[in-house]
Structures are given as C-alpha cells and as structure tokens.
C-alpha cells in the first residue's frame, strides 16, 4: 500500500504522539507499505503552535491567489462540526475569496 503522510502525521509518528491512532501507526510501521511525505511544504517554513501541550505543525498559506483565479471551489464541513456554513462563507468573502460552495457533510466518520 502507498501512504501519503502529511506534516502532522509524520511529526506525531516520530514523537510517539497519541493523536496518531494505533491503526495509522501500524500502517506506517508496516515495512511492506511505501511511504511518501507531502511535498506541499517543501521549501516552505513549517511553523508550530501549541494545542493541549502538543506542538501542532502548520504552514501559512495565501489562498487569495493575488486576485487571480479562486483556488478554493468548495468547502465541506465535517458532520460533527457545529460551525454554520454561512460563517465560513462570510469569512472567505472577508478575506477576498468569494463564490465558494460551502456544504455540511452528511457522511458519518465510520
């Protein structure tokens, strides 16, 4: 199996962080699986903030695209997230990203 690891997953795996599920850890540890690390952060500084005494990696992204073609077409809100779709729309419009379809997922996490 091929695995694409994002920054959080890689850092949690290296640090032995319990935010990484036992299943995910077993997939990464399985030597028969091929692992890749996202190159989205290559050459970009990875920053950290603290969340519940755990460093969480993030990369600052400019999604305004300098007024060119809108890079975000759709936002799907997780089924257990209680944010209002209109709040997301207003936020996106405030930062110059309009005409984004915002919907709430009906899929379960299982």
C-alpha atoms as a PDB file:
ATOM      1  CA  UNK A   1       0.000   0.000   0.000  1.00  0.00           C
ATOM      2  CA  UNK A   2       1.186   3.547  -0.713  1.00  0.00           C
ATOM      3  CA  UNK A   3       0.850   6.060   2.139  1.00  0.00           C
ATOM      4  CA  UNK A   4       0.989   9.838   1.792  1.00  0.00           C
ATOM      5  CA  UNK A   5       1.931  11.346   5.154  1.00  0.00           C
ATOM      6  CA  UNK A   6       1.167  14.957   5.939  1.00  0.00           C
ATOM      7  CA  UNK A   7       3.267  17.021   8.343  1.00  0.00           C
ATOM      8  CA  UNK A   8       1.077  16.309  11.381  1.00  0.00           C
ATOM      9  CA  UNK A   9       1.109  12.580  10.803  1.00  0.00           C
ATOM     10  CA  UNK A  10       4.851  12.449  10.329  1.00  0.00           C
ATOM     11  CA  UNK A  11       5.564  14.552  13.432  1.00  0.00           C
ATOM     12  CA  UNK A  12       3.093  12.605  15.563  1.00  0.00           C
ATOM     13  CA  UNK A  13       4.642   9.327  14.394  1.00  0.00           C
ATOM     14  CA  UNK A  14       8.181  10.487  15.153  1.00  0.00           C
ATOM     15  CA  UNK A  15       7.192  11.890  18.563  1.00  0.00           C
ATOM     16  CA  UNK A  16       5.068   8.893  19.533  1.00  0.00           C
ATOM     17  CA  UNK A  17       2.115  11.256  19.981  1.00  0.00           C
ATOM     18  CA  UNK A  18      -1.180   9.624  20.962  1.00  0.00           C
ATOM     19  CA  UNK A  19      -3.052  11.825  18.468  1.00  0.00           C
ATOM     20  CA  UNK A  20      -1.938   9.272  15.880  1.00  0.00           C
ATOM     21  CA  UNK A  21      -4.251   6.263  16.037  1.00  0.00           C
ATOM     22  CA  UNK A  22      -2.868   2.784  16.617  1.00  0.00           C
ATOM     23  CA  UNK A  23      -4.162   1.814  13.174  1.00  0.00           C
ATOM     24  CA  UNK A  24      -2.330   4.690  11.446  1.00  0.00           C
ATOM     25  CA  UNK A  25       0.844   3.897  13.413  1.00  0.00           C
ATOM     26  CA  UNK A  26       0.638   0.237  12.350  1.00  0.00           C
ATOM     27  CA  UNK A  27       0.271   1.236   8.686  1.00  0.00           C
ATOM     28  CA  UNK A  28       3.356   3.468   8.907  1.00  0.00           C
ATOM     29  CA  UNK A  29       5.373   0.824  10.746  1.00  0.00           C
ATOM     30  CA  UNK A  30       4.464  -1.880   8.215  1.00  0.00           C
ATOM     31  CA  UNK A  31       7.623  -2.256   6.106  1.00  0.00           C
ATOM     32  CA  UNK A  32       5.598  -3.537   3.147  1.00  0.00           C
ATOM     33  CA  UNK A  33       3.897  -0.131   2.814  1.00  0.00           C
ATOM     34  CA  UNK A  34       5.559   2.540   0.692  1.00  0.00           C
ATOM     35  CA  UNK A  35       5.662   5.930   2.465  1.00  0.00           C
ATOM     36  CA  UNK A  36       5.676   9.389   0.897  1.00  0.00           C
ATOM     37  CA  UNK A  37       5.773  12.770   2.602  1.00  0.00           C
ATOM     38  CA  UNK A  38       3.701  15.581   1.149  1.00  0.00           C
ATOM     39  CA  UNK A  39       5.870  17.983  -0.837  1.00  0.00           C
ATOM     40  CA  UNK A  40       3.351  20.756  -0.307  1.00  0.00           C
ATOM     41  CA  UNK A  41       5.621  22.062   2.425  1.00  0.00           C
ATOM     42  CA  UNK A  42       8.913  21.669   0.563  1.00  0.00           C
ATOM     43  CA  UNK A  43      10.785  24.962   0.749  1.00  0.00           C
ATOM     44  CA  UNK A  44       8.091  26.476   2.934  1.00  0.00           C
ATOM     45  CA  UNK A  45       8.703  27.123   6.620  1.00  0.00           C
ATOM     46  CA  UNK A  46       6.768  24.795   8.895  1.00  0.00           C
ATOM     47  CA  UNK A  47       5.513  26.725  11.910  1.00  0.00           C
ATOM     48  CA  UNK A  48       4.205  25.362  15.198  1.00  0.00           C
ATOM     49  CA  UNK A  49       1.583  26.330  17.714  1.00  0.00           C
ATOM     50  CA  UNK A  50       0.731  24.631  20.980  1.00  0.00           C
ATOM     51  CA  UNK A  51      -2.559  22.757  21.366  1.00  0.00           C
ATOM     52  CA  UNK A  52      -3.215  20.861  24.589  1.00  0.00           C
ATOM     53  CA  UNK A  53       0.526  20.850  25.385  1.00  0.00           C
ATOM     54  CA  UNK A  54       1.297  19.327  21.993  1.00  0.00           C
ATOM     55  CA  UNK A  55       3.119  21.140  19.187  1.00  0.00           C
ATOM     56  CA  UNK A  56       0.945  21.264  16.075  1.00  0.00           C
ATOM     57  CA  UNK A  57       2.626  21.996  12.760  1.00  0.00           C
ATOM     58  CA  UNK A  58       1.120  24.364  10.250  1.00  0.00           C
ATOM     59  CA  UNK A  59       2.111  26.159   7.071  1.00  0.00           C
ATOM     60  CA  UNK A  60       0.898  29.661   6.337  1.00  0.00           C
ATOM     61  CA  UNK A  61      -0.887  29.696   3.004  1.00  0.00           C
ATOM     62  CA  UNK A  62      -2.112  32.656   0.983  1.00  0.00           C
ATOM     63  CA  UNK A  63      -5.335  31.476  -0.614  1.00  0.00           C
ATOM     64  CA  UNK A  64      -6.198  34.881  -2.067  1.00  0.00           C
ATOM     65  CA  UNK A  65      -4.073  33.964  -5.088  1.00  0.00           C
ATOM     66  CA  UNK A  66      -3.282  37.664  -5.600  1.00  0.00           C
ATOM     67  CA  UNK A  67      -6.744  38.299  -7.075  1.00  0.00           C
ATOM     68  CA  UNK A  68      -6.324  35.683  -9.805  1.00  0.00           C
ATOM     69  CA  UNK A  69      -8.436  32.564 -10.249  1.00  0.00           C
ATOM     70  CA  UNK A  70     -10.027  31.466  -6.977  1.00  0.00           C
ATOM     71  CA  UNK A  71      -8.082  28.418  -5.739  1.00  0.00           C
ATOM     72  CA  UNK A  72     -10.905  27.227  -3.438  1.00  0.00           C
ATOM     73  CA  UNK A  73     -14.036  25.939  -5.154  1.00  0.00           C
ATOM     74  CA  UNK A  74     -15.764  24.082  -2.320  1.00  0.00           C
ATOM     75  CA  UNK A  75     -15.588  23.665   1.458  1.00  0.00           C
ATOM     76  CA  UNK A  76     -17.200  20.622   3.061  1.00  0.00           C
ATOM     77  CA  UNK A  77     -17.795  20.898   6.802  1.00  0.00           C
ATOM     78  CA  UNK A  78     -17.479  17.690   8.822  1.00  0.00           C
ATOM     79  CA  UNK A  79     -20.734  16.191  10.123  1.00  0.00           C
ATOM     80  CA  UNK A  80     -19.863  16.765  13.787  1.00  0.00           C
ATOM     81  CA  UNK A  81     -18.574  20.312  13.301  1.00  0.00           C
ATOM     82  CA  UNK A  82     -21.099  22.848  14.591  1.00  0.00           C
ATOM     83  CA  UNK A  83     -19.883  25.840  12.579  1.00  0.00           C
ATOM     84  CA  UNK A  84     -22.513  27.500  10.411  1.00  0.00           C
ATOM     85  CA  UNK A  85     -21.892  27.286   6.656  1.00  0.00           C
ATOM     86  CA  UNK A  86     -22.786  30.984   6.400  1.00  0.00           C
ATOM     87  CA  UNK A  87     -19.996  31.799   8.886  1.00  0.00           C
ATOM     88  CA  UNK A  88     -17.472  30.069   6.617  1.00  0.00           C
ATOM     89  CA  UNK A  89     -18.864  31.889   3.565  1.00  0.00           C
ATOM     90  CA  UNK A  90     -18.665  35.271   5.300  1.00  0.00           C
ATOM     91  CA  UNK A  91     -15.117  34.577   6.462  1.00  0.00           C
ATOM     92  CA  UNK A  92     -13.999  33.596   2.955  1.00  0.00           C
ATOM     93  CA  UNK A  93     -15.616  36.663   1.421  1.00  0.00           C
ATOM     94  CA  UNK A  94     -13.979  38.867   4.077  1.00  0.00           C
ATOM     95  CA  UNK A  95     -10.509  37.669   3.053  1.00  0.00           C
ATOM     96  CA  UNK A  96     -11.290  38.109  -0.637  1.00  0.00           C
ATOM     97  CA  UNK A  97     -12.305  34.583  -1.573  1.00  0.00           C
ATOM     98  CA  UNK A  98     -15.903  34.646  -2.765  1.00  0.00           C
ATOM     99  CA  UNK A  99     -18.174  32.292  -4.706  1.00  0.00           C
ATOM    100  CA  UNK A 100     -17.160  29.214  -2.719  1.00  0.00           C
ATOM    101  CA  UNK A 101     -19.735  26.453  -2.294  1.00  0.00           C
ATOM    102  CA  UNK A 102     -19.984  25.630   1.437  1.00  0.00           C
ATOM    103  CA  UNK A 103     -21.877  22.497   2.463  1.00  0.00           C
ATOM    104  CA  UNK A 104     -22.166  20.324   5.532  1.00  0.00           C
ATOM    105  CA  UNK A 105     -21.275  16.657   5.094  1.00  0.00           C
ATOM    106  CA  UNK A 106     -23.935  14.096   5.859  1.00  0.00           C
ATOM    107  CA  UNK A 107     -21.420  11.242   5.922  1.00  0.00           C
ATOM    108  CA  UNK A 108     -20.540   9.641   9.216  1.00  0.00           C
ATOM    109  CA  UNK A 109     -16.973   9.257  10.432  1.00  0.00           C
ATOM    110  CA  UNK A 110     -17.274   5.494  10.473  1.00  0.00           C
END
